[in-house]
């Protein structure tokens, strides 16, 4: 499931407990990500899901749910 993989990557990258990572969690406000964390996370997601995240989409990925939805929409 996409969420499981995404939440694991986020927990590892941001050094937070996996149980803090929910679909509603905001990457910056709730999980403490900064721009460098987000860029590394995007690269990890691209590798994990073998896809390319458009630069224009990065700013719209505010919550874990946004990330999951974005990946699911492109994995087809």
N, C-alpha and C. Protein backbone atom coordinates (compact mmCIF):
# COMPACT_ATOMS: atom_id res chain seq x y z
N UNK A 1 0.84 -1.19 0.00
CA UNK A 1 0.00 0.00 0.00
C UNK A 1 0.89 1.25 0.00
N UNK A 2 0.48 2.23 -0.78
CA UNK A 2 1.29 3.45 -0.94
C UNK A 2 1.51 4.13 0.41
N UNK A 3 0.45 4.26 1.21
CA UNK A 3 0.59 4.98 2.49
C UNK A 3 1.66 4.35 3.38
N UNK A 4 1.70 3.02 3.44
CA UNK A 4 2.67 2.35 4.31
C UNK A 4 4.11 2.71 3.92
N UNK A 5 4.38 2.69 2.63
CA UNK A 5 5.73 2.99 2.16
C UNK A 5 6.06 4.46 2.38
N UNK A 6 5.09 5.34 2.07
CA UNK A 6 5.29 6.78 2.25
C UNK A 6 5.52 7.11 3.72
N UNK A 7 4.70 6.56 4.60
CA UNK A 7 4.82 6.87 6.03
C UNK A 7 6.15 6.38 6.57
N UNK A 8 6.62 5.24 6.10
CA UNK A 8 7.92 4.72 6.54
C UNK A 8 9.05 5.64 6.09
N UNK A 9 9.00 6.09 4.84
CA UNK A 9 10.03 7.01 4.33
C UNK A 9 10.01 8.32 5.11
N UNK A 10 8.82 8.84 5.38
CA UNK A 10 8.70 10.10 6.12
C UNK A 10 9.22 9.94 7.54
N UNK A 11 8.83 8.88 8.22
CA UNK A 11 9.28 8.65 9.60
C UNK A 11 10.80 8.56 9.65
N UNK A 12 11.40 7.85 8.69
CA UNK A 12 12.86 7.71 8.65
C UNK A 12 13.54 9.04 8.35
N UNK A 13 13.03 9.77 7.38
CA UNK A 13 13.65 11.03 6.96
C UNK A 13 13.53 12.10 8.04
N UNK A 14 12.36 12.19 8.68
CA UNK A 14 12.12 13.27 9.64
C UNK A 14 12.39 12.85 11.09
N UNK A 15 12.81 11.61 11.26
CA UNK A 15 13.14 11.09 12.60
C UNK A 15 11.95 11.25 13.56
N UNK A 16 10.77 10.86 13.08
CA UNK A 16 9.58 10.88 13.92
C UNK A 16 9.05 9.47 14.06
N UNK A 17 8.26 9.25 15.09
CA UNK A 17 7.65 7.96 15.32
C UNK A 17 6.66 7.67 14.20
N UNK A 18 6.67 6.47 13.62
CA UNK A 18 5.74 6.15 12.53
C UNK A 18 4.27 6.36 12.92
N UNK A 19 3.94 6.22 14.19
CA UNK A 19 2.54 6.40 14.58
C UNK A 19 2.11 7.88 14.57
N UNK A 20 3.08 8.80 14.41
CA UNK A 20 2.74 10.22 14.27
C UNK A 20 2.39 10.57 12.83
N UNK A 21 2.72 9.68 11.92
CA UNK A 21 2.51 9.94 10.50
C UNK A 21 1.14 9.41 10.09
N UNK A 22 0.20 10.34 9.88
CA UNK A 22 -1.14 9.97 9.43
C UNK A 22 -1.43 10.69 8.12
N UNK A 23 -2.52 10.34 7.47
CA UNK A 23 -2.89 10.99 6.21
C UNK A 23 -3.09 12.49 6.41
N UNK A 24 -3.50 12.89 7.61
CA UNK A 24 -3.77 14.30 7.89
C UNK A 24 -2.54 15.07 8.36
N UNK A 25 -1.45 14.38 8.67
CA UNK A 25 -0.25 15.05 9.18
C UNK A 25 0.30 16.03 8.15
N UNK A 26 0.57 17.26 8.61
CA UNK A 26 1.19 18.27 7.75
C UNK A 26 2.71 18.08 7.86
N UNK A 27 3.36 18.01 6.72
CA UNK A 27 4.79 17.72 6.70
C UNK A 27 5.59 18.74 7.50
N UNK A 28 5.30 20.02 7.32
CA UNK A 28 6.07 21.07 7.99
C UNK A 28 5.56 21.31 9.41
N UNK A 29 4.27 21.64 9.54
CA UNK A 29 3.73 22.04 10.83
C UNK A 29 3.69 20.89 11.84
N UNK A 30 3.25 19.71 11.42
CA UNK A 30 3.08 18.60 12.37
C UNK A 30 4.33 17.74 12.52
N UNK A 31 5.06 17.55 11.42
CA UNK A 31 6.17 16.61 11.45
C UNK A 31 7.54 17.28 11.44
N UNK A 32 7.56 18.61 11.35
CA UNK A 32 8.82 19.34 11.50
C UNK A 32 9.74 19.35 10.30
N UNK A 33 9.20 19.08 9.11
CA UNK A 33 10.05 19.08 7.92
C UNK A 33 10.47 20.51 7.57
N UNK A 34 11.68 20.63 7.03
CA UNK A 34 12.09 21.90 6.44
C UNK A 34 12.31 21.66 4.94
N UNK A 35 12.70 22.69 4.22
CA UNK A 35 12.80 22.54 2.76
C UNK A 35 13.82 21.48 2.36
N UNK A 36 14.90 21.37 3.11
CA UNK A 36 15.90 20.34 2.80
C UNK A 36 15.32 18.94 3.02
N UNK A 37 14.58 18.76 4.12
CA UNK A 37 13.93 17.47 4.37
C UNK A 37 12.99 17.11 3.23
N UNK A 38 12.23 18.10 2.79
CA UNK A 38 11.24 17.85 1.74
C UNK A 38 11.94 17.43 0.45
N UNK A 39 13.03 18.09 0.11
CA UNK A 39 13.74 17.73 -1.12
C UNK A 39 14.30 16.32 -1.05
N UNK A 40 14.88 15.95 0.08
CA UNK A 40 15.41 14.59 0.23
C UNK A 40 14.26 13.59 0.19
N UNK A 41 13.17 13.93 0.84
CA UNK A 41 12.00 13.06 0.84
C UNK A 41 11.48 12.84 -0.58
N UNK A 42 11.41 13.91 -1.37
CA UNK A 42 10.96 13.78 -2.76
C UNK A 42 11.88 12.83 -3.53
N UNK A 43 13.18 12.96 -3.33
CA UNK A 43 14.12 12.07 -4.01
C UNK A 43 13.92 10.62 -3.57
N UNK A 44 13.70 10.42 -2.28
CA UNK A 44 13.44 9.07 -1.76
C UNK A 44 12.17 8.49 -2.37
N UNK A 45 11.13 9.32 -2.46
CA UNK A 45 9.86 8.87 -3.04
C UNK A 45 10.03 8.52 -4.52
N UNK A 46 10.79 9.34 -5.23
CA UNK A 46 11.04 9.07 -6.65
C UNK A 46 11.73 7.73 -6.82
N UNK A 47 12.71 7.45 -5.96
CA UNK A 47 13.42 6.17 -6.03
C UNK A 47 12.50 5.02 -5.65
N UNK A 48 11.77 5.19 -4.55
CA UNK A 48 10.94 4.11 -4.02
C UNK A 48 9.82 3.73 -4.98
N UNK A 49 9.26 4.74 -5.66
CA UNK A 49 8.11 4.48 -6.53
C UNK A 49 8.48 4.55 -8.02
N UNK A 50 9.78 4.72 -8.31
CA UNK A 50 10.26 4.74 -9.68
C UNK A 50 9.47 5.73 -10.53
N UNK A 51 9.43 6.98 -10.07
CA UNK A 51 8.66 8.02 -10.75
C UNK A 51 9.36 9.35 -10.60
N UNK A 52 8.88 10.35 -11.33
CA UNK A 52 9.43 11.69 -11.25
C UNK A 52 8.36 12.62 -10.67
N UNK A 53 8.72 13.39 -9.66
CA UNK A 53 7.80 14.37 -9.08
C UNK A 53 8.10 15.72 -9.72
N UNK A 54 7.09 16.31 -10.36
CA UNK A 54 7.30 17.60 -11.01
C UNK A 54 7.58 18.67 -9.96
N UNK A 55 8.49 19.58 -10.27
CA UNK A 55 8.81 20.67 -9.36
C UNK A 55 7.58 21.49 -9.00
N UNK A 56 6.70 21.68 -9.97
CA UNK A 56 5.50 22.49 -9.72
C UNK A 56 4.56 21.83 -8.71
N UNK A 57 4.65 20.51 -8.57
CA UNK A 57 3.76 19.81 -7.65
C UNK A 57 4.27 19.85 -6.21
N UNK A 58 5.56 20.04 -6.04
CA UNK A 58 6.16 19.93 -4.70
C UNK A 58 5.52 20.89 -3.71
N UNK A 59 5.25 22.12 -4.15
CA UNK A 59 4.68 23.10 -3.23
C UNK A 59 3.25 22.77 -2.82
N UNK A 60 2.56 21.93 -3.59
CA UNK A 60 1.18 21.57 -3.24
C UNK A 60 1.11 20.36 -2.32
N UNK A 61 2.24 19.72 -2.07
CA UNK A 61 2.26 18.53 -1.22
C UNK A 61 2.46 18.97 0.23
N UNK A 62 1.35 19.29 0.89
CA UNK A 62 1.41 19.82 2.26
C UNK A 62 1.25 18.75 3.32
N UNK A 63 0.40 17.75 3.04
CA UNK A 63 0.13 16.71 4.03
C UNK A 63 0.60 15.35 3.50
N UNK A 64 0.66 14.39 4.39
CA UNK A 64 1.00 13.02 3.98
C UNK A 64 -0.02 12.53 2.97
N UNK A 65 -1.29 12.88 3.20
CA UNK A 65 -2.35 12.47 2.28
C UNK A 65 -2.14 13.05 0.88
N UNK A 66 -1.65 14.30 0.81
CA UNK A 66 -1.36 14.91 -0.49
C UNK A 66 -0.31 14.09 -1.23
N UNK A 67 0.72 13.67 -0.51
CA UNK A 67 1.80 12.88 -1.12
C UNK A 67 1.26 11.55 -1.62
N UNK A 68 0.49 10.87 -0.78
CA UNK A 68 -0.08 9.57 -1.15
C UNK A 68 -0.98 9.71 -2.38
N UNK A 69 -1.85 10.72 -2.38
CA UNK A 69 -2.75 10.94 -3.51
C UNK A 69 -1.99 11.22 -4.80
N UNK A 70 -0.94 12.03 -4.68
CA UNK A 70 -0.11 12.37 -5.84
C UNK A 70 0.50 11.10 -6.44
N UNK A 71 1.07 10.27 -5.59
CA UNK A 71 1.72 9.04 -6.07
C UNK A 71 0.69 8.09 -6.68
N UNK A 72 -0.43 7.91 -5.99
CA UNK A 72 -1.46 7.00 -6.49
C UNK A 72 -1.99 7.45 -7.85
N UNK A 73 -2.12 8.77 -8.04
CA UNK A 73 -2.63 9.30 -9.30
C UNK A 73 -1.66 9.05 -10.45
N UNK A 74 -0.36 8.96 -10.14
CA UNK A 74 0.63 8.80 -11.19
C UNK A 74 1.09 7.36 -11.37
N UNK A 75 0.82 6.52 -10.41
CA UNK A 75 1.23 5.11 -10.55
C UNK A 75 0.31 4.37 -11.52
N UNK A 76 -0.95 4.82 -11.58
CA UNK A 76 -1.93 4.25 -12.49
C UNK A 76 -2.00 2.77 -12.43
